[in-house]
Amino acid sequence: MLRALSSLIAGLIFGLGLVISGMINPAKVQNFLDITGSWDPSLAFVMGAALIVTGVGFAVLKTSSRPLLDTRFQWPTRTDLDPRLISGSATFGAGWGLAGFCPGPALSAAALGAGPVYIFLIAMMTGIALWRWVIASMLEPKAA
């Protein structure tokens, strides 16, 4: 119960940060990416602040013996760049650039009732379902 509550609080703080920073506004994201037009560099400060907070957080966690609400840390073990990671990153970036949303800000915008975001969320969930279907069909053993 405490774990779920802490996750909810962290998600609410994250969502509030997205709203305050303007990340739920697709025009702000698209203007950041439009370096030859109406470029808006303010998103770089949001990203920079996020990197600083993350870096400090990881530095503190690395000195801890175990997390507060779990028995052990779940650190990633893979360090290689495989085709799935590269294609997924490229797809994410293309979607973010075209729609102006990534999943976190889209959910925050949906909670605030921003209309066009629902089209993005439906497209995102469809893409996730299709990706899982494609991967499952590739990994499924073939009947002889």
N, C-alpha and C. Protein backbone atom coordinates (compact mmCIF):
# COMPACT_ATOMS: atom_id res chain seq x y z
N MET A 1 0.82 -1.19 0.00
CA MET A 1 0.00 0.00 0.00
C MET A 1 0.87 1.26 0.00
N LEU A 2 1.91 1.26 0.83
CA LEU A 2 2.81 2.41 0.89
C LEU A 2 3.53 2.61 -0.44
N ARG A 3 3.87 1.50 -1.07
CA ARG A 3 4.55 1.56 -2.35
C ARG A 3 3.65 2.20 -3.42
N ALA A 4 2.39 1.79 -3.45
CA ALA A 4 1.44 2.34 -4.41
C ALA A 4 1.20 3.83 -4.14
N LEU A 5 1.09 4.19 -2.89
CA LEU A 5 0.87 5.59 -2.52
C LEU A 5 2.07 6.45 -2.91
N SER A 6 3.27 5.94 -2.68
CA SER A 6 4.47 6.71 -3.05
C SER A 6 4.57 6.84 -4.57
N SER A 7 4.16 5.81 -5.30
CA SER A 7 4.15 5.89 -6.77
C SER A 7 3.14 6.93 -7.25
N LEU A 8 1.97 6.96 -6.62
CA LEU A 8 0.96 7.94 -6.97
C LEU A 8 1.47 9.36 -6.71
N ILE A 9 2.08 9.58 -5.57
CA ILE A 9 2.59 10.91 -5.22
C ILE A 9 3.70 11.32 -6.20
N ALA A 10 4.61 10.40 -6.51
CA ALA A 10 5.68 10.70 -7.46
C ALA A 10 5.11 11.04 -8.84
N GLY A 11 4.10 10.29 -9.27
CA GLY A 11 3.46 10.56 -10.55
C GLY A 11 2.77 11.91 -10.58
N LEU A 12 2.11 12.27 -9.49
CA LEU A 12 1.45 13.57 -9.41
C LEU A 12 2.47 14.71 -9.44
N ILE A 13 3.58 14.55 -8.74
CA ILE A 13 4.63 15.58 -8.76
C ILE A 13 5.23 15.70 -10.16
N PHE A 14 5.46 14.57 -10.81
CA PHE A 14 5.99 14.57 -12.17
C PHE A 14 5.02 15.27 -13.11
N GLY A 15 3.74 14.91 -13.02
CA GLY A 15 2.72 15.54 -13.87
C GLY A 15 2.62 17.03 -13.64
N LEU A 16 2.68 17.45 -12.38
CA LEU A 16 2.64 18.87 -12.06
C LEU A 16 3.84 19.60 -12.67
N GLY A 17 5.00 18.97 -12.60
CA GLY A 17 6.19 19.55 -13.22
C GLY A 17 6.04 19.70 -14.72
N LEU A 18 5.41 18.72 -15.36
CA LEU A 18 5.17 18.80 -16.81
C LEU A 18 4.23 19.96 -17.13
N VAL A 19 3.20 20.13 -16.31
CA VAL A 19 2.25 21.22 -16.53
C VAL A 19 2.93 22.57 -16.34
N ILE A 20 3.66 22.72 -15.22
CA ILE A 20 4.32 24.00 -14.92
C ILE A 20 5.36 24.36 -15.99
N SER A 21 6.09 23.37 -16.50
CA SER A 21 7.13 23.63 -17.48
C SER A 21 6.59 23.86 -18.90
N GLY A 22 5.31 23.58 -19.09
CA GLY A 22 4.73 23.77 -20.42
C GLY A 22 4.92 22.58 -21.35
N MET A 23 5.43 21.48 -20.82
CA MET A 23 5.69 20.30 -21.66
C MET A 23 4.41 19.67 -22.21
N ILE A 24 3.26 20.00 -21.66
CA ILE A 24 2.02 19.41 -22.18
C ILE A 24 1.49 20.21 -23.37
N ASN A 25 2.17 21.27 -23.74
CA ASN A 25 1.78 22.10 -24.88
C ASN A 25 2.57 21.65 -26.10
N PRO A 26 1.92 20.97 -27.07
CA PRO A 26 2.67 20.48 -28.24
C PRO A 26 3.38 21.59 -29.01
N ALA A 27 2.81 22.78 -29.04
CA ALA A 27 3.44 23.88 -29.77
C ALA A 27 4.80 24.24 -29.16
N LYS A 28 4.91 24.16 -27.84
CA LYS A 28 6.18 24.46 -27.16
C LYS A 28 7.25 23.45 -27.58
N VAL A 29 6.86 22.18 -27.63
CA VAL A 29 7.80 21.12 -28.03
C VAL A 29 8.19 21.30 -29.49
N GLN A 30 7.21 21.54 -30.36
CA GLN A 30 7.51 21.70 -31.78
C GLN A 30 8.35 22.95 -32.04
N ASN A 31 8.13 24.02 -31.28
CA ASN A 31 8.96 25.22 -31.44
C ASN A 31 10.39 24.97 -30.96
N PHE A 32 10.56 24.09 -29.98
CA PHE A 32 11.92 23.74 -29.54
C PHE A 32 12.65 23.01 -30.66
N LEU A 33 11.93 22.17 -31.38
CA LEU A 33 12.54 21.38 -32.46
C LEU A 33 12.72 22.18 -33.75
N ASP A 34 12.07 23.33 -33.86
CA ASP A 34 12.11 24.15 -35.08
C ASP A 34 13.25 25.17 -34.96
N ILE A 35 14.48 24.70 -35.17
CA ILE A 35 15.64 25.57 -34.95
C ILE A 35 15.80 26.62 -36.04
N THR A 36 15.15 26.46 -37.19
CA THR A 36 15.27 27.46 -38.26
C THR A 36 14.07 28.41 -38.30
N GLY A 37 13.09 28.19 -37.44
CA GLY A 37 11.90 29.04 -37.44
C GLY A 37 11.72 29.73 -36.11
N SER A 38 10.61 29.44 -35.47
CA SER A 38 10.29 30.09 -34.19
C SER A 38 10.83 29.27 -33.02
N TRP A 39 12.15 29.14 -32.97
CA TRP A 39 12.80 28.30 -31.97
C TRP A 39 12.56 28.82 -30.56
N ASP A 40 12.19 27.92 -29.66
CA ASP A 40 11.95 28.24 -28.25
C ASP A 40 12.92 27.40 -27.42
N PRO A 41 14.02 28.00 -26.93
CA PRO A 41 15.02 27.22 -26.21
C PRO A 41 14.64 26.85 -24.78
N SER A 42 13.49 27.29 -24.29
CA SER A 42 13.14 27.08 -22.88
C SER A 42 13.05 25.60 -22.52
N LEU A 43 12.71 24.76 -23.48
CA LEU A 43 12.63 23.32 -23.20
C LEU A 43 14.00 22.74 -22.85
N ALA A 44 15.06 23.33 -23.37
CA ALA A 44 16.41 22.88 -23.03
C ALA A 44 16.68 23.07 -21.54
N PHE A 45 16.15 24.13 -20.96
CA PHE A 45 16.32 24.35 -19.52
C PHE A 45 15.55 23.32 -18.71
N VAL A 46 14.36 22.95 -19.20
CA VAL A 46 13.57 21.91 -18.53
C VAL A 46 14.33 20.59 -18.57
N MET A 47 14.87 20.25 -19.74
CA MET A 47 15.63 19.00 -19.88
C MET A 47 16.90 19.04 -19.03
N GLY A 48 17.57 20.17 -19.03
CA GLY A 48 18.79 20.31 -18.22
C GLY A 48 18.50 20.14 -16.74
N ALA A 49 17.43 20.75 -16.27
CA ALA A 49 17.05 20.62 -14.86
C ALA A 49 16.71 19.16 -14.54
N ALA A 50 16.02 18.49 -15.46
CA ALA A 50 15.68 17.08 -15.25
C ALA A 50 16.94 16.22 -15.17
N LEU A 51 17.93 16.52 -16.00
CA LEU A 51 19.18 15.76 -15.96
C LEU A 51 19.93 15.99 -14.65
N ILE A 52 19.91 17.22 -14.16
CA ILE A 52 20.58 17.51 -12.89
C ILE A 52 19.91 16.78 -11.74
N VAL A 53 18.59 16.85 -11.68
CA VAL A 53 17.85 16.17 -10.62
C VAL A 53 18.08 14.66 -10.69
N THR A 54 18.05 14.11 -11.90
CA THR A 54 18.28 12.67 -12.07
C THR A 54 19.70 12.29 -11.66
N GLY A 55 20.68 13.08 -12.08
CA GLY A 55 22.06 12.79 -11.72
C GLY A 55 22.29 12.80 -10.22
N VAL A 56 21.75 13.81 -9.55
CA VAL A 56 21.88 13.89 -8.10
C VAL A 56 21.15 12.70 -7.45
N GLY A 57 19.96 12.40 -7.95
CA GLY A 57 19.19 11.27 -7.40
C GLY A 57 19.94 9.96 -7.52
N PHE A 58 20.51 9.69 -8.69
CA PHE A 58 21.26 8.45 -8.87
C PHE A 58 22.52 8.43 -8.00
N ALA A 59 23.18 9.57 -7.87
CA ALA A 59 24.38 9.63 -7.01
C ALA A 59 24.02 9.28 -5.57
N VAL A 60 22.91 9.79 -5.09
CA VAL A 60 22.48 9.49 -3.73
C VAL A 60 22.09 8.01 -3.61
N LEU A 61 21.36 7.50 -4.59
CA LEU A 61 20.93 6.10 -4.55
C LEU A 61 22.10 5.13 -4.61
N LYS A 62 23.13 5.48 -5.36
CA LYS A 62 24.30 4.59 -5.47
C LYS A 62 25.00 4.39 -4.13
N THR A 63 24.83 5.34 -3.21
CA THR A 63 25.46 5.20 -1.90
C THR A 63 24.58 4.45 -0.91
N SER A 64 23.32 4.17 -1.28
CA SER A 64 22.40 3.47 -0.38
C SER A 64 22.57 1.96 -0.55
N SER A 65 22.33 1.24 0.52
CA SER A 65 22.46 -0.22 0.45
C SER A 65 21.21 -0.87 -0.15
N ARG A 66 20.04 -0.25 0.06
CA ARG A 66 18.80 -0.77 -0.53
C ARG A 66 17.76 0.34 -0.57
N PRO A 67 16.78 0.22 -1.47
CA PRO A 67 15.74 1.26 -1.55
C PRO A 67 14.81 1.21 -0.33
N LEU A 68 14.09 2.29 -0.12
CA LEU A 68 13.19 2.36 1.02
C LEU A 68 12.02 1.39 0.93
N LEU A 69 11.47 1.19 -0.27
CA LEU A 69 10.24 0.42 -0.41
C LEU A 69 10.42 -0.88 -1.21
N ASP A 70 11.62 -1.40 -1.24
CA ASP A 70 11.87 -2.67 -1.93
C ASP A 70 13.05 -3.36 -1.26
N THR A 71 13.28 -4.60 -1.63
CA THR A 71 14.36 -5.35 -0.99
C THR A 71 15.71 -5.11 -1.67
N ARG A 72 15.68 -4.73 -2.97
CA ARG A 72 16.92 -4.47 -3.71
C ARG A 72 16.66 -3.48 -4.83
N PHE A 73 17.73 -2.86 -5.32
CA PHE A 73 17.63 -1.94 -6.46
C PHE A 73 17.46 -2.75 -7.75
N GLN A 74 16.77 -2.19 -8.69
CA GLN A 74 16.53 -2.83 -9.98
C GLN A 74 17.35 -2.09 -11.06
N TRP A 75 18.67 -2.12 -10.94
CA TRP A 75 19.52 -1.41 -11.90
C TRP A 75 19.53 -2.15 -13.23
N PRO A 76 19.59 -1.42 -14.35
CA PRO A 76 19.69 -2.09 -15.65
C PRO A 76 21.05 -2.78 -15.79
N THR A 77 21.05 -3.90 -16.48
CA THR A 77 22.29 -4.66 -16.65
C THR A 77 22.80 -4.62 -18.09
N ARG A 78 21.94 -4.33 -19.04
CA ARG A 78 22.37 -4.29 -20.44
C ARG A 78 22.99 -2.95 -20.78
N THR A 79 24.04 -3.00 -21.59
CA THR A 79 24.70 -1.77 -22.02
C THR A 79 24.85 -1.70 -23.54
N ASP A 80 24.38 -2.73 -24.25
CA ASP A 80 24.55 -2.76 -25.70
C ASP A 80 23.41 -2.00 -26.40
N LEU A 81 23.69 -1.61 -27.64
CA LEU A 81 22.69 -0.96 -28.48
C LEU A 81 22.22 -1.98 -29.51
N ASP A 82 20.99 -2.47 -29.33
CA ASP A 82 20.47 -3.45 -30.26
C ASP A 82 19.46 -2.78 -31.19
N PRO A 83 19.08 -3.44 -32.29
CA PRO A 83 18.13 -2.85 -33.24
C PRO A 83 16.79 -2.45 -32.61
N ARG A 84 16.33 -3.21 -31.63
CA ARG A 84 15.06 -2.86 -30.97
C ARG A 84 15.17 -1.52 -30.25
N LEU A 85 16.27 -1.30 -29.55
CA LEU A 85 16.47 -0.04 -28.83
C LEU A 85 16.57 1.13 -29.81
N ILE A 86 17.35 0.95 -30.85
CA ILE A 86 17.55 2.03 -31.82
C ILE A 86 16.25 2.34 -32.56
N SER A 87 15.54 1.32 -33.04
CA SER A 87 14.28 1.57 -33.76
C SER A 87 13.22 2.15 -32.83
N GLY A 88 13.18 1.68 -31.60
CA GLY A 88 12.22 2.23 -30.64
C GLY A 88 12.51 3.68 -30.32
N SER A 89 13.78 4.02 -30.16
CA SER A 89 14.17 5.41 -29.90
C SER A 89 13.83 6.31 -31.08
N ALA A 90 14.10 5.83 -32.28
CA ALA A 90 13.80 6.61 -33.48
C ALA A 90 12.29 6.82 -33.64
N THR A 91 11.53 5.78 -33.37
CA THR A 91 10.06 5.89 -33.46
C THR A 91 9.54 6.87 -32.41
N PHE A 92 10.05 6.76 -31.19
CA PHE A 92 9.65 7.68 -30.11
C PHE A 92 9.96 9.11 -30.52
N GLY A 93 11.17 9.36 -30.99
CA GLY A 93 11.56 10.71 -31.37
C GLY A 93 10.74 11.26 -32.52
N ALA A 94 10.46 10.42 -33.52
CA ALA A 94 9.63 10.87 -34.65
C ALA A 94 8.22 11.21 -34.18
N GLY A 95 7.66 10.37 -33.33
CA GLY A 95 6.32 10.64 -32.82
C GLY A 95 6.28 11.89 -31.98
N TRP A 96 7.29 12.10 -31.17
CA TRP A 96 7.37 13.28 -30.31
C TRP A 96 7.47 14.54 -31.17
N GLY A 97 8.31 14.48 -32.20
CA GLY A 97 8.48 15.63 -33.08
C GLY A 97 7.24 15.94 -33.90
N LEU A 98 6.56 14.91 -34.37
CA LEU A 98 5.37 15.12 -35.20
C LEU A 98 4.16 15.56 -34.38
N ALA A 99 3.95 14.91 -33.25
CA ALA A 99 2.74 15.18 -32.45
C ALA A 99 2.98 16.24 -31.38
N GLY A 100 4.22 16.40 -30.94
CA GLY A 100 4.51 17.34 -29.88
C GLY A 100 4.26 16.77 -28.49
N PHE A 101 3.94 15.50 -28.43
CA PHE A 101 3.67 14.83 -27.16
C PHE A 101 4.59 13.64 -27.00
N CYS A 102 4.98 13.35 -25.77
CA CYS A 102 5.52 12.04 -25.43
C CYS A 102 4.58 11.51 -24.34
N PRO A 103 4.67 10.25 -23.97
CA PRO A 103 3.64 9.64 -23.12
C PRO A 103 3.35 10.37 -21.81
N GLY A 104 4.35 10.80 -21.07
CA GLY A 104 4.11 11.47 -19.78
C GLY A 104 3.31 12.76 -19.93
N PRO A 105 3.79 13.69 -20.76
CA PRO A 105 3.02 14.92 -20.96
C PRO A 105 1.64 14.67 -21.56
N ALA A 106 1.52 13.64 -22.41
CA ALA A 106 0.21 13.35 -23.00
C ALA A 106 -0.79 12.94 -21.92
N LEU A 107 -0.35 12.12 -20.97
CA LEU A 107 -1.25 11.72 -19.89
C LEU A 107 -1.62 12.91 -19.01
N SER A 108 -0.65 13.80 -18.76
CA SER A 108 -0.94 15.01 -17.98
C SER A 108 -1.92 15.90 -18.72
N ALA A 109 -1.74 16.06 -20.02
CA ALA A 109 -2.64 16.89 -20.82
C ALA A 109 -4.04 16.27 -20.86
N ALA A 110 -4.11 14.94 -20.93
CA ALA A 110 -5.42 14.27 -20.94
C ALA A 110 -6.14 14.49 -19.62
N ALA A 111 -5.39 14.48 -18.52
CA ALA A 111 -6.01 14.71 -17.21
C ALA A 111 -6.59 16.11 -17.11
N LEU A 112 -6.01 17.04 -17.88
CA LEU A 112 -6.51 18.42 -17.88
C LEU A 112 -7.57 18.65 -18.95
N GLY A 113 -7.88 17.61 -19.72
CA GLY A 113 -8.95 17.71 -20.71
C GLY A 113 -8.56 18.36 -22.02
N ALA A 114 -7.28 18.31 -22.39
CA ALA A 114 -6.84 18.87 -23.67
C ALA A 114 -7.28 17.94 -24.80
N GLY A 115 -8.22 18.39 -25.63
CA GLY A 115 -8.86 17.57 -26.65
C GLY A 115 -7.97 16.80 -27.60
N PRO A 116 -7.07 17.46 -28.36
CA PRO A 116 -6.28 16.74 -29.37
C PRO A 116 -5.39 15.62 -28.80
N VAL A 117 -5.11 15.67 -27.52
CA VAL A 117 -4.23 14.67 -26.94
C VAL A 117 -4.87 13.28 -26.98
N TYR A 118 -6.18 13.21 -26.99
CA TYR A 118 -6.84 11.91 -26.99
C TYR A 118 -6.56 11.15 -28.29
N ILE A 119 -6.45 11.88 -29.39
CA ILE A 119 -6.09 11.24 -30.67
C ILE A 119 -4.69 10.65 -30.56
N PHE A 120 -3.77 11.42 -29.98
CA PHE A 120 -2.41 10.92 -29.78
C PHE A 120 -2.41 9.67 -28.91
N LEU A 121 -3.15 9.71 -27.79
CA LEU A 121 -3.16 8.57 -26.87
C LEU A 121 -3.72 7.32 -27.54
N ILE A 122 -4.77 7.47 -28.34
CA ILE A 122 -5.33 6.32 -29.06
C ILE A 122 -4.30 5.78 -30.05
N ALA A 123 -3.64 6.69 -30.79
CA ALA A 123 -2.61 6.25 -31.73
C ALA A 123 -1.45 5.58 -31.01
N MET A 124 -1.04 6.12 -29.85
CA MET A 124 0.05 5.53 -29.08
C MET A 124 -0.31 4.13 -28.60
N MET A 125 -1.52 3.97 -28.05
CA MET A 125 -1.93 2.65 -27.55
C MET A 125 -2.07 1.65 -28.70
N THR A 126 -2.53 2.13 -29.86
CA THR A 126 -2.61 1.26 -31.04
C THR A 126 -1.22 0.83 -31.47
N GLY A 127 -0.28 1.76 -31.48
CA GLY A 127 1.10 1.43 -31.83
C GLY A 127 1.72 0.44 -30.87
N ILE A 128 1.47 0.61 -29.58
CA ILE A 128 1.99 -0.33 -28.58
C ILE A 128 1.41 -1.72 -28.80
N ALA A 129 0.10 -1.79 -29.05
CA ALA A 129 -0.55 -3.08 -29.29
C ALA A 129 -0.01 -3.74 -30.55
N LEU A 130 0.16 -2.96 -31.62
CA LEU A 130 0.71 -3.51 -32.86
C LEU A 130 2.14 -4.00 -32.65
N TRP A 131 2.94 -3.22 -31.93
CA TRP A 131 4.32 -3.62 -31.67
C TRP A 131 4.36 -4.94 -30.89
N ARG A 132 3.54 -5.04 -29.86
CA ARG A 132 3.50 -6.28 -29.09
C ARG A 132 3.05 -7.46 -29.95
N TRP A 133 2.10 -7.22 -30.83
CA TRP A 133 1.62 -8.27 -31.73
C TRP A 133 2.72 -8.70 -32.69
N VAL A 134 3.46 -7.73 -33.25
CA VAL A 134 4.55 -8.05 -34.17
C VAL A 134 5.64 -8.82 -33.44
N ILE A 135 6.05 -8.35 -32.27
CA ILE A 135 7.09 -9.03 -31.50
C ILE A 135 6.63 -10.43 -31.10
N ALA A 136 5.39 -10.56 -30.63
CA ALA A 136 4.88 -11.87 -30.23
C ALA A 136 4.87 -12.83 -31.42
N SER A 137 4.50 -12.34 -32.61
CA SER A 137 4.48 -13.23 -33.77
C SER A 137 5.88 -13.61 -34.19
N MET A 138 6.87 -12.76 -33.93
CA MET A 138 8.25 -13.08 -34.29
C MET A 138 8.85 -14.09 -33.30
N LEU A 139 8.44 -14.00 -32.04
CA LEU A 139 9.01 -14.86 -31.01
C LEU A 139 8.26 -16.18 -30.84
N GLU A 140 7.05 -16.24 -31.37
CA GLU A 140 6.20 -17.42 -31.24
C GLU A 140 6.82 -18.60 -31.99
N PRO A 141 6.87 -19.77 -31.37
CA PRO A 141 7.41 -20.93 -32.10
C PRO A 141 6.50 -21.30 -33.26
N LYS A 142 7.11 -21.57 -34.41
CA LYS A 142 6.36 -21.90 -35.62
C LYS A 142 5.94 -23.37 -35.59
N ALA A 143 4.69 -23.63 -35.95
CA ALA A 143 4.18 -25.01 -36.01
C ALA A 143 4.74 -25.68 -37.26
N ALA A 144 5.16 -26.93 -37.11
CA ALA A 144 5.77 -27.64 -38.25
C ALA A 144 4.75 -28.35 -39.07
